[in-house]
PDB file of N, CA and C in Angstrom:
ATOM      1  N   GLY A   1    -285.289 -32.807 -44.048  1.00  0.00           N
ATOM      2  CA  GLY A   1    -285.849 -31.658 -43.411  1.00  0.00           C
ATOM      3  C   GLY A   1    -286.894 -31.048 -44.249  1.00  0.00           C
ATOM      4  N   GLY A   2    -287.528 -30.001 -43.770  1.00  0.00           N
ATOM      5  CA  GLY A   2    -288.550 -29.282 -44.444  1.00  0.00           C
ATOM      6  C   GLY A   2    -288.012 -28.395 -45.559  1.00  0.00           C
ATOM      7  N   GLY A   3    -288.846 -27.938 -46.395  1.00  0.00           N
ATOM      8  CA  GLY A   3    -288.439 -27.054 -47.458  1.00  0.00           C
ATOM      9  C   GLY A   3    -288.452 -25.593 -46.999  1.00  0.00           C
ATOM     10  N   THR A   4    -288.180 -24.729 -47.959  1.00  0.00           N
ATOM     11  CA  THR A   4    -288.139 -23.288 -47.669  1.00  0.00           C
ATOM     12  C   THR A   4    -289.464 -22.777 -47.118  1.00  0.00           C
ATOM     13  N   GLY A   5    -290.569 -23.293 -47.603  1.00  0.00           N
ATOM     14  CA  GLY A   5    -291.857 -22.829 -47.145  1.00  0.00           C
ATOM     15  C   GLY A   5    -292.056 -23.087 -45.664  1.00  0.00           C
ATOM     16  N   GLU A   6    -291.635 -24.209 -45.199  1.00  0.00           N
ATOM     17  CA  GLU A   6    -291.728 -24.569 -43.770  1.00  0.00           C
ATOM     18  C   GLU A   6    -290.890 -23.583 -42.910  1.00  0.00           C
ATOM     19  N   TRP A   7    -289.705 -23.311 -43.374  1.00  0.00           N
ATOM     20  CA  TRP A   7    -288.819 -22.381 -42.682  1.00  0.00           C
ATOM     21  C   TRP A   7    -289.442 -20.959 -42.664  1.00  0.00           C
ATOM     22  N   GLU A   8    -290.020 -20.554 -43.772  1.00  0.00           N
ATOM     23  CA  GLU A   8    -290.631 -19.219 -43.844  1.00  0.00           C
ATOM     24  C   GLU A   8    -291.829 -19.100 -42.939  1.00  0.00           C
ATOM     25  N   ARG A   9    -292.589 -20.174 -42.815  1.00  0.00           N
ATOM     26  CA  ARG A   9    -293.747 -20.189 -41.885  1.00  0.00           C
ATOM     27  C   ARG A   9    -293.280 -20.089 -40.447  1.00  0.00           C
ATOM     28  N   ALA A  10    -292.227 -20.807 -40.116  1.00  0.00           N
ATOM     29  CA  ALA A  10    -291.695 -20.774 -38.763  1.00  0.00           C
ATOM     30  C   ALA A  10    -291.181 -19.352 -38.445  1.00  0.00           C
ATOM     31  N   LEU A  11    -290.504 -18.763 -39.386  1.00  0.00           N
ATOM     32  CA  LEU A  11    -289.989 -17.408 -39.207  1.00  0.00           C
ATOM     33  C   LEU A  11    -291.142 -16.427 -39.033  1.00  0.00           C
ATOM     34  N   ALA A  12    -292.144 -16.554 -39.859  1.00  0.00           N
ATOM     35  CA  ALA A  12    -293.320 -15.639 -39.793  1.00  0.00           C
ATOM     36  C   ALA A  12    -294.000 -15.809 -38.444  1.00  0.00           C
ATOM     37  N   GLY A  13    -294.043 -17.021 -37.935  1.00  0.00           N
ATOM     38  CA  GLY A  13    -294.672 -17.259 -36.626  1.00  0.00           C
ATOM     39  C   GLY A  13    -293.878 -16.662 -35.480  1.00  0.00           C
ATOM     40  N   ALA A  14    -292.567 -16.576 -35.634  1.00  0.00           N
ATOM     41  CA  ALA A  14    -291.698 -16.011 -34.602  1.00  0.00           C
ATOM     42  C   ALA A  14    -291.733 -14.475 -34.599  1.00  0.00           C
ATOM     43  N   GLU A  15    -292.015 -13.898 -35.710  1.00  0.00           N
ATOM     44  CA  GLU A  15    -291.943 -12.411 -35.848  1.00  0.00           C
ATOM     45  C   GLU A  15    -292.785 -11.689 -34.784  1.00  0.00           C
ATOM     46  N   PRO A  16    -294.079 -12.085 -34.582  1.00  0.00           N
ATOM     47  CA  PRO A  16    -294.814 -11.409 -33.500  1.00  0.00           C
ATOM     48  C   PRO A  16    -294.190 -11.504 -32.134  1.00  0.00           C
ATOM     49  N   LEU A  17    -293.546 -12.648 -31.845  1.00  0.00           N
ATOM     50  CA  LEU A  17    -292.880 -12.820 -30.568  1.00  0.00           C
ATOM     51  C   LEU A  17    -291.690 -11.858 -30.434  1.00  0.00           C
ATOM     52  N   VAL A  18    -290.932 -11.699 -31.537  1.00  0.00           N
ATOM     53  CA  VAL A  18    -289.818 -10.765 -31.530  1.00  0.00           C
ATOM     54  C   VAL A  18    -290.340  -9.347 -31.325  1.00  0.00           C
ATOM     55  N   GLN A  19    -291.384  -8.984 -31.993  1.00  0.00           N
ATOM     56  CA  GLN A  19    -291.968  -7.649 -31.810  1.00  0.00           C
ATOM     57  C   GLN A  19    -292.450  -7.410 -30.397  1.00  0.00           C
ATOM     58  N   ARG A  20    -293.065  -8.401 -29.801  1.00  0.00           N
ATOM     59  CA  ARG A  20    -293.502  -8.247 -28.374  1.00  0.00           C
ATOM     60  C   ARG A  20    -292.326  -8.111 -27.441  1.00  0.00           C
ATOM     61  N   ALA A  21    -291.241  -8.887 -27.697  1.00  0.00           N
ATOM     62  CA  ALA A  21    -290.046  -8.764 -26.871  1.00  0.00           C
ATOM     63  C   ALA A  21    -289.448  -7.353 -27.008  1.00  0.00           C
ATOM     64  N   GLN A  22    -289.413  -6.831 -28.215  1.00  0.00           N
ATOM     65  CA  GLN A  22    -288.857  -5.490 -28.438  1.00  0.00           C
ATOM     66  C   GLN A  22    -289.689  -4.441 -27.700  1.00  0.00           C
ATOM     67  N   LYS A  23    -291.001  -4.587 -27.756  1.00  0.00           N
ATOM     68  CA  LYS A  23    -291.892  -3.630 -27.017  1.00  0.00           C
ATOM     69  C   LYS A  23    -291.653  -3.731 -25.546  1.00  0.00           C
ATOM     70  N   ALA A  24    -291.477  -4.960 -25.034  1.00  0.00           N
ATOM     71  CA  ALA A  24    -291.205  -5.118 -23.616  1.00  0.00           C
ATOM     72  C   ALA A  24    -289.917  -4.487 -23.206  1.00  0.00           C
ATOM     73  N   LEU A  25    -288.904  -4.591 -24.046  1.00  0.00           N
ATOM     74  CA  LEU A  25    -287.598  -3.933 -23.764  1.00  0.00           C
ATOM     75  C   LEU A  25    -287.759  -2.434 -23.673  1.00  0.00           C
ATOM     76  N   GLU A  26    -288.653  -1.875 -24.479  1.00  0.00           N
ATOM     77  CA  GLU A  26    -288.848  -0.394 -24.504  1.00  0.00           C
ATOM     78  C   GLU A  26    -289.429   0.077 -23.160  1.00  0.00           C
ATOM     79  N   THR A  27    -290.005  -0.814 -22.378  1.00  0.00           N
ATOM     80  CA  THR A  27    -290.576  -0.428 -21.080  1.00  0.00           C
ATOM     81  C   THR A  27    -289.480  -0.387 -19.997  1.00  0.00           C
ATOM     82  N   LEU A  28    -288.348  -0.943 -20.258  1.00  0.00           N
ATOM     83  CA  LEU A  28    -287.237  -0.940 -19.260  1.00  0.00           C
ATOM     84  C   LEU A  28    -286.628   0.443 -19.179  1.00  0.00           C
ATOM     85  N   ASN A  29    -286.282   0.831 -17.997  1.00  0.00           N
ATOM     86  CA  ASN A  29    -285.556   2.076 -17.805  1.00  0.00           C
ATOM     87  C   ASN A  29    -284.572   1.923 -16.657  1.00  0.00           C
ATOM     88  N   LYS A  30    -283.742   2.961 -16.481  1.00  0.00           N
ATOM     89  CA  LYS A  30    -282.730   2.913 -15.481  1.00  0.00           C
ATOM     90  C   LYS A  30    -283.345   2.756 -14.070  1.00  0.00           C
ATOM     91  N   THR A  31    -284.460   3.416 -13.834  1.00  0.00           N
ATOM     92  CA  THR A  31    -285.125   3.350 -12.506  1.00  0.00           C
ATOM     93  C   THR A  31    -285.563   1.932 -12.180  1.00  0.00           C
ATOM     94  N   ASN A  32    -286.264   1.252 -13.122  1.00  0.00           N
ATOM     95  CA  ASN A  32    -286.750  -0.095 -12.740  1.00  0.00           C
ATOM     96  C   ASN A  32    -285.631  -1.108 -12.754  1.00  0.00           C
ATOM     97  N   LEU A  33    -284.608  -0.912 -13.567  1.00  0.00           N
ATOM     98  CA  LEU A  33    -283.459  -1.831 -13.505  1.00  0.00           C
ATOM     99  C   LEU A  33    -282.660  -1.634 -12.205  1.00  0.00           C
ATOM    100  N   THR A  34    -282.560  -0.407 -11.749  1.00  0.00           N
ATOM    101  CA  THR A  34    -281.848  -0.148 -10.476  1.00  0.00           C
ATOM    102  C   THR A  34    -282.612  -0.826  -9.345  1.00  0.00           C
ATOM    103  N   GLU A  35    -283.942  -0.731  -9.366  1.00  0.00           N
ATOM    104  CA  GLU A  35    -284.766  -1.383  -8.356  1.00  0.00           C
ATOM    105  C   GLU A  35    -284.603  -2.895  -8.423  1.00  0.00           C
ATOM    106  N   LEU A  36    -284.603  -3.459  -9.664  1.00  0.00           N
ATOM    107  CA  LEU A  36    -284.410  -4.901  -9.814  1.00  0.00           C
ATOM    108  C   LEU A  36    -283.078  -5.334  -9.243  1.00  0.00           C
ATOM    109  N   LYS A  37    -282.032  -4.578  -9.569  1.00  0.00           N
ATOM    110  CA  LYS A  37    -280.697  -4.937  -9.093  1.00  0.00           C
ATOM    111  C   LYS A  37    -280.601  -4.945  -7.581  1.00  0.00           C
ATOM    112  N   SER A  38    -281.437  -4.120  -6.926  1.00  0.00           N
ATOM    113  CA  SER A  38    -281.359  -3.987  -5.465  1.00  0.00           C
ATOM    114  C   SER A  38    -282.026  -5.171  -4.713  1.00  0.00           C
ATOM    115  N   PHE A  39    -282.766  -5.996  -5.405  1.00  0.00           N
ATOM    116  CA  PHE A  39    -283.453  -7.116  -4.742  1.00  0.00           C
ATOM    117  C   PHE A  39    -282.421  -8.051  -4.113  1.00  0.00           C
ATOM    118  N   LYS A  40    -282.654  -8.427  -2.867  1.00  0.00           N
ATOM    119  CA  LYS A  40    -281.786  -9.356  -2.188  1.00  0.00           C
ATOM    120  C   LYS A  40    -282.093 -10.800  -2.664  1.00  0.00           C
ATOM    121  N   GLN A  41    -283.407 -11.107  -2.720  1.00  0.00           N
ATOM    122  CA  GLN A  41    -283.840 -12.430  -3.162  1.00  0.00           C
ATOM    123  C   GLN A  41    -285.069 -12.255  -4.037  1.00  0.00           C
ATOM    124  N   PRO A  42    -284.850 -12.037  -5.348  1.00  0.00           N
ATOM    125  CA  PRO A  42    -286.015 -11.849  -6.224  1.00  0.00           C
ATOM    126  C   PRO A  42    -286.785 -13.183  -6.446  1.00  0.00           C
ATOM    127  N   PRO A  43    -287.986 -13.091  -6.985  1.00  0.00           N
ATOM    128  CA  PRO A  43    -288.730 -14.293  -7.291  1.00  0.00           C
ATOM    129  C   PRO A  43    -287.913 -15.207  -8.242  1.00  0.00           C
ATOM    130  N   GLN A  44    -288.129 -16.495  -8.155  1.00  0.00           N
ATOM    131  CA  GLN A  44    -287.391 -17.434  -8.972  1.00  0.00           C
ATOM    132  C   GLN A  44    -287.490 -17.131 -10.466  1.00  0.00           C
ATOM    133  N   GLU A  45    -288.661 -16.649 -10.901  1.00  0.00           N
ATOM    134  CA  GLU A  45    -288.822 -16.332 -12.308  1.00  0.00           C
ATOM    135  C   GLU A  45    -287.857 -15.256 -12.765  1.00  0.00           C
ATOM    136  N   VAL A  46    -287.591 -14.289 -11.874  1.00  0.00           N
ATOM    137  CA  VAL A  46    -286.658 -13.205 -12.218  1.00  0.00           C
ATOM    138  C   VAL A  46    -285.248 -13.810 -12.287  1.00  0.00           C
ATOM    139  N   VAL A  47    -284.909 -14.672 -11.376  1.00  0.00           N
ATOM    140  CA  VAL A  47    -283.548 -15.325 -11.418  1.00  0.00           C
ATOM    141  C   VAL A  47    -283.431 -16.121 -12.693  1.00  0.00           C
ATOM    142  N   ASP A  48    -284.480 -16.834 -13.133  1.00  0.00           N
ATOM    143  CA  ASP A  48    -284.437 -17.620 -14.328  1.00  0.00           C
ATOM    144  C   ASP A  48    -284.249 -16.753 -15.578  1.00  0.00           C
ATOM    145  N   VAL A  49    -284.980 -15.665 -15.644  1.00  0.00           N
ATOM    146  CA  VAL A  49    -284.849 -14.754 -16.793  1.00  0.00           C
ATOM    147  C   VAL A  49    -283.454 -14.178 -16.839  1.00  0.00           C
ATOM    148  N   MET A  50    -282.933 -13.773 -15.667  1.00  0.00           N
ATOM    149  CA  MET A  50    -281.577 -13.186 -15.647  1.00  0.00           C
ATOM    150  C   MET A  50    -280.544 -14.218 -15.980  1.00  0.00           C
ATOM    151  N   ALA A  51    -280.762 -15.508 -15.671  1.00  0.00           N
ATOM    152  CA  ALA A  51    -279.819 -16.536 -16.094  1.00  0.00           C
ATOM    153  C   ALA A  51    -279.793 -16.621 -17.601  1.00  0.00           C
ATOM    154  N   CYS A  52    -280.949 -16.499 -18.247  1.00  0.00           N
ATOM    155  CA  CYS A  52    -281.005 -16.484 -19.709  1.00  0.00           C
ATOM    156  C   CYS A  52    -280.277 -15.268 -20.279  1.00  0.00           C
ATOM    157  N   VAL A  53    -280.482 -14.127 -19.640  1.00  0.00           N
ATOM    158  CA  VAL A  53    -279.797 -12.877 -20.076  1.00  0.00           C
ATOM    159  C   VAL A  53    -278.289 -13.089 -19.987  1.00  0.00           C
ATOM    160  N   GLN A  54    -277.823 -13.708 -18.899  1.00  0.00           N
ATOM    161  CA  GLN A  54    -276.411 -13.941 -18.758  1.00  0.00           C
ATOM    162  C   GLN A  54    -275.848 -14.755 -19.898  1.00  0.00           C
ATOM    163  N   ILE A  55    -276.604 -15.745 -20.330  1.00  0.00           N
ATOM    164  CA  ILE A  55    -276.179 -16.568 -21.456  1.00  0.00           C
ATOM    165  C   ILE A  55    -276.172 -15.746 -22.764  1.00  0.00           C
ATOM    166  N   LEU A  56    -277.262 -15.023 -22.985  1.00  0.00           N
ATOM    167  CA  LEU A  56    -277.380 -14.266 -24.240  1.00  0.00           C
ATOM    168  C   LEU A  56    -276.307 -13.167 -24.367  1.00  0.00           C
ATOM    169  N   LEU A  57    -275.914 -12.553 -23.272  1.00  0.00           N
ATOM    170  CA  LEU A  57    -274.947 -11.481 -23.331  1.00  0.00           C
ATOM    171  C   LEU A  57    -273.499 -11.929 -23.196  1.00  0.00           C
ATOM    172  N   ALA A  58    -273.308 -13.205 -22.958  1.00  0.00           N
ATOM    173  CA  ALA A  58    -271.932 -13.738 -22.759  1.00  0.00           C
ATOM    174  C   ALA A  58    -271.254 -13.852 -24.132  1.00  0.00           C
ATOM    175  N   PRO A  59    -269.956 -13.696 -24.188  1.00  0.00           N
ATOM    176  CA  PRO A  59    -269.233 -13.997 -25.406  1.00  0.00           C
ATOM    177  C   PRO A  59    -269.413 -15.472 -25.779  1.00  0.00           C
ATOM    178  N   ALA A  60    -269.462 -15.746 -27.052  1.00  0.00           N
ATOM    179  CA  ALA A  60    -269.763 -17.129 -27.503  1.00  0.00           C
ATOM    180  C   ALA A  60    -268.770 -18.143 -26.920  1.00  0.00           C
ATOM    181  N   HIS A  61    -267.540 -17.759 -26.712  1.00  0.00           N
ATOM    182  CA  HIS A  61    -266.513 -18.681 -26.209  1.00  0.00           C
ATOM    183  C   HIS A  61    -266.542 -18.774 -24.677  1.00  0.00           C
ATOM    184  N   ASP A  62    -267.437 -18.056 -23.996  1.00  0.00           N
ATOM    185  CA  ASP A  62    -267.398 -17.971 -22.551  1.00  0.00           C
ATOM    186  C   ASP A  62    -268.798 -18.000 -21.927  1.00  0.00           C
ATOM    187  N   ILE A  63    -269.648 -18.967 -22.401  1.00  0.00           N
ATOM    188  CA  ILE A  63    -270.997 -19.081 -21.869  1.00  0.00           C
ATOM    189  C   ILE A  63    -270.878 -19.547 -20.395  1.00  0.00           C
ATOM    190  N   PRO A  64    -271.587 -18.852 -19.479  1.00  0.00           N
ATOM    191  CA  PRO A  64    -271.452 -19.227 -18.081  1.00  0.00           C
ATOM    192  C   PRO A  64    -272.074 -20.628 -17.816  1.00  0.00           C
ATOM    193  N   ARG A  65    -271.401 -21.366 -16.966  1.00  0.00           N
ATOM    194  CA  ARG A  65    -271.911 -22.669 -16.556  1.00  0.00           C
ATOM    195  C   ARG A  65    -273.150 -22.469 -15.718  1.00  0.00           C
ATOM    196  N   GLN A  66    -273.986 -23.483 -15.596  1.00  0.00           N
ATOM    197  CA  GLN A  66    -275.231 -23.366 -14.864  1.00  0.00           C
ATOM    198  C   GLN A  66    -275.041 -22.869 -13.431  1.00  0.00           C
ATOM    199  N   GLN A  67    -274.035 -23.438 -12.769  1.00  0.00           N
ATOM    200  CA  GLN A  67    -273.791 -23.006 -11.380  1.00  0.00           C
ATOM    201  C   GLN A  67    -273.276 -21.585 -11.247  1.00  0.00           C
ATOM    202  N   ASP A  68    -272.847 -20.975 -12.362  1.00  0.00           N
ATOM    203  CA  ASP A  68    -272.373 -19.623 -12.340  1.00  0.00           C
ATOM    204  C   ASP A  68    -273.441 -18.575 -12.696  1.00  0.00           C
ATOM    205  N   ARG A  69    -274.615 -19.086 -13.096  1.00  0.00           N
ATOM    206  CA  ARG A  69    -275.708 -18.184 -13.475  1.00  0.00           C
ATOM    207  C   ARG A  69    -276.542 -17.832 -12.253  1.00  0.00           C
ATOM    208  N   THR A  70    -275.899 -17.146 -11.325  1.00  0.00           N
ATOM    209  CA  THR A  70    -276.510 -16.854 -10.055  1.00  0.00           C
ATOM    210  C   THR A  70    -277.066 -15.422 -10.070  1.00  0.00           C
ATOM    211  N   TRP A  71    -277.906 -15.137  -9.047  1.00  0.00           N
ATOM    212  CA  TRP A  71    -278.454 -13.793  -8.916  1.00  0.00           C
ATOM    213  C   TRP A  71    -277.322 -12.790  -8.646  1.00  0.00           C
ATOM    214  N   GLN A  72    -276.328 -13.192  -7.901  1.00  0.00           N
ATOM    215  CA  GLN A  72    -275.178 -12.311  -7.607  1.00  0.00           C
ATOM    216  C   GLN A  72    -274.451 -11.942  -8.883  1.00  0.00           C
ATOM    217  N   ASN A  73    -274.277 -12.922  -9.793  1.00  0.00           N
ATOM    218  CA  ASN A  73    -273.644 -12.623 -11.084  1.00  0.00           C
ATOM    219  C   ASN A  73    -274.540 -11.789 -11.967  1.00  0.00           C
ATOM    220  N   ALA A  74    -275.838 -11.956 -11.869  1.00  0.00           N
ATOM    221  CA  ALA A  74    -276.759 -11.095 -12.608  1.00  0.00           C
ATOM    222  C   ALA A  74    -276.669  -9.649 -12.122  1.00  0.00           C
ATOM    223  N   GLN A  75    -276.547  -9.496 -10.798  1.00  0.00           N
ATOM    224  CA  GLN A  75    -276.392  -8.157 -10.227  1.00  0.00           C
ATOM    225  C   GLN A  75    -275.085  -7.504 -10.727  1.00  0.00           C
ATOM    226  N   ARG A  76    -274.012  -8.296 -10.839  1.00  0.00           N
ATOM    227  CA  ARG A  76    -272.750  -7.775 -11.381  1.00  0.00           C
ATOM    228  C   ARG A  76    -272.937  -7.335 -12.850  1.00  0.00           C
ATOM    229  N   LEU A  77    -273.699  -8.117 -13.580  1.00  0.00           N
ATOM    230  CA  LEU A  77    -273.965  -7.764 -14.986  1.00  0.00           C
ATOM    231  C   LEU A  77    -274.698  -6.445 -15.083  1.00  0.00           C
ATOM    232  N   MET A  78    -275.512  -6.133 -14.074  1.00  0.00           N
ATOM    233  CA  MET A  78    -276.253  -4.885 -14.070  1.00  0.00           C
ATOM    234  C   MET A  78    -275.537  -3.757 -13.336  1.00  0.00           C
ATOM    235  N   GLN A  79    -274.288  -3.948 -12.995  1.00  0.00           N
ATOM    236  CA  GLN A  79    -273.581  -2.972 -12.201  1.00  0.00           C
ATOM    237  C   GLN A  79    -273.602  -1.612 -12.841  1.00  0.00           C
ATOM    238  N   ARG A  80    -273.345  -1.557 -14.128  1.00  0.00           N
ATOM    239  CA  ARG A  80    -273.453  -0.285 -14.892  1.00  0.00           C
ATOM    240  C   ARG A  80    -274.768  -0.329 -15.633  1.00  0.00           C
ATOM    241  N   ILE A  81    -275.835   0.219 -14.997  1.00  0.00           N
ATOM    242  CA  ILE A  81    -277.189   0.097 -15.532  1.00  0.00           C
ATOM    243  C   ILE A  81    -277.313   0.619 -16.938  1.00  0.00           C
ATOM    244  N   ASP A  82    -276.719   1.804 -17.210  1.00  0.00           N
ATOM    245  CA  ASP A  82    -276.863   2.393 -18.552  1.00  0.00           C
ATOM    246  C   ASP A  82    -276.250   1.480 -19.622  1.00  0.00           C
ATOM    247  N   TYR A  83    -275.104   0.906 -19.328  1.00  0.00           N
ATOM    248  CA  TYR A  83    -274.428   0.000 -20.257  1.00  0.00           C
ATOM    249  C   TYR A  83    -275.267  -1.282 -20.410  1.00  0.00           C
ATOM    250  N   PHE A  84    -275.765  -1.797 -19.298  1.00  0.00           N
ATOM    251  CA  PHE A  84    -276.560  -3.003 -19.348  1.00  0.00           C
ATOM    252  C   PHE A  84    -277.797  -2.804 -20.231  1.00  0.00           C
ATOM    253  N   LEU A  85    -278.485  -1.698 -20.024  1.00  0.00           N
ATOM    254  CA  LEU A  85    -279.715  -1.388 -20.757  1.00  0.00           C
ATOM    255  C   LEU A  85    -279.389  -1.217 -22.226  1.00  0.00           C
ATOM    256  N   GLN A  86    -278.294  -0.576 -22.564  1.00  0.00           N
ATOM    257  CA  GLN A  86    -277.880  -0.401 -23.955  1.00  0.00           C
ATOM    258  C   GLN A  86    -277.599  -1.745 -24.588  1.00  0.00           C
ATOM    259  N   ARG A  87    -276.969  -2.656 -23.852  1.00  0.00           N
ATOM    260  CA  ARG A  87    -276.677  -4.001 -24.407  1.00  0.00           C
ATOM    261  C   ARG A  87    -277.968  -4.782 -24.663  1.00  0.00           C
ATOM    262  N   LEU A  88    -278.968  -4.635 -23.792  1.00  0.00           N
ATOM    263  CA  LEU A  88    -280.233  -5.325 -23.998  1.00  0.00           C
ATOM    264  C   LEU A  88    -280.962  -4.774 -25.222  1.00  0.00           C
ATOM    265  N   VAL A  89    -281.029  -3.444 -25.316  1.00  0.00           N
ATOM    266  CA  VAL A  89    -281.773  -2.791 -26.406  1.00  0.00           C
ATOM    267  C   VAL A  89    -281.112  -3.102 -27.760  1.00  0.00           C
ATOM    268  N   SER A  90    -279.775  -3.142 -27.749  1.00  0.00           N
ATOM    269  CA  SER A  90    -279.064  -3.320 -29.029  1.00  0.00           C
ATOM    270  C   SER A  90    -278.756  -4.782 -29.328  1.00  0.00           C
ATOM    271  N   PHE A  91    -279.216  -5.696 -28.492  1.00  0.00           N
ATOM    272  CA  PHE A  91    -278.960  -7.139 -28.742  1.00  0.00           C
ATOM    273  C   PHE A  91    -279.563  -7.551 -30.068  1.00  0.00           C
ATOM    274  N   ASP A  92    -278.761  -8.301 -30.796  1.00  0.00           N
ATOM    275  CA  ASP A  92    -279.159  -8.758 -32.123  1.00  0.00           C
ATOM    276  C   ASP A  92    -278.989 -10.250 -32.272  1.00  0.00           C
TER     277      ASP A  92
END
């Protein structure tokens, strides 16, 4: 594998992406998440992003299977909007 320098370069390259993601999270609020949750059939890109969120927020021993990463399960995840938003913002 590569040395420490390669790893540090990769990490430095990822840092701007992490900062952009954090700024994007800061734009989320209860109102727009409530609107999102109300969608009956959101665009496929929204469903895909929420499938990723379902994986990221799942306990390590209980990652949802692909067929379980549905829009309905994403809506359940957002059932308590304040709690969902807090989990997103504090994700580490």
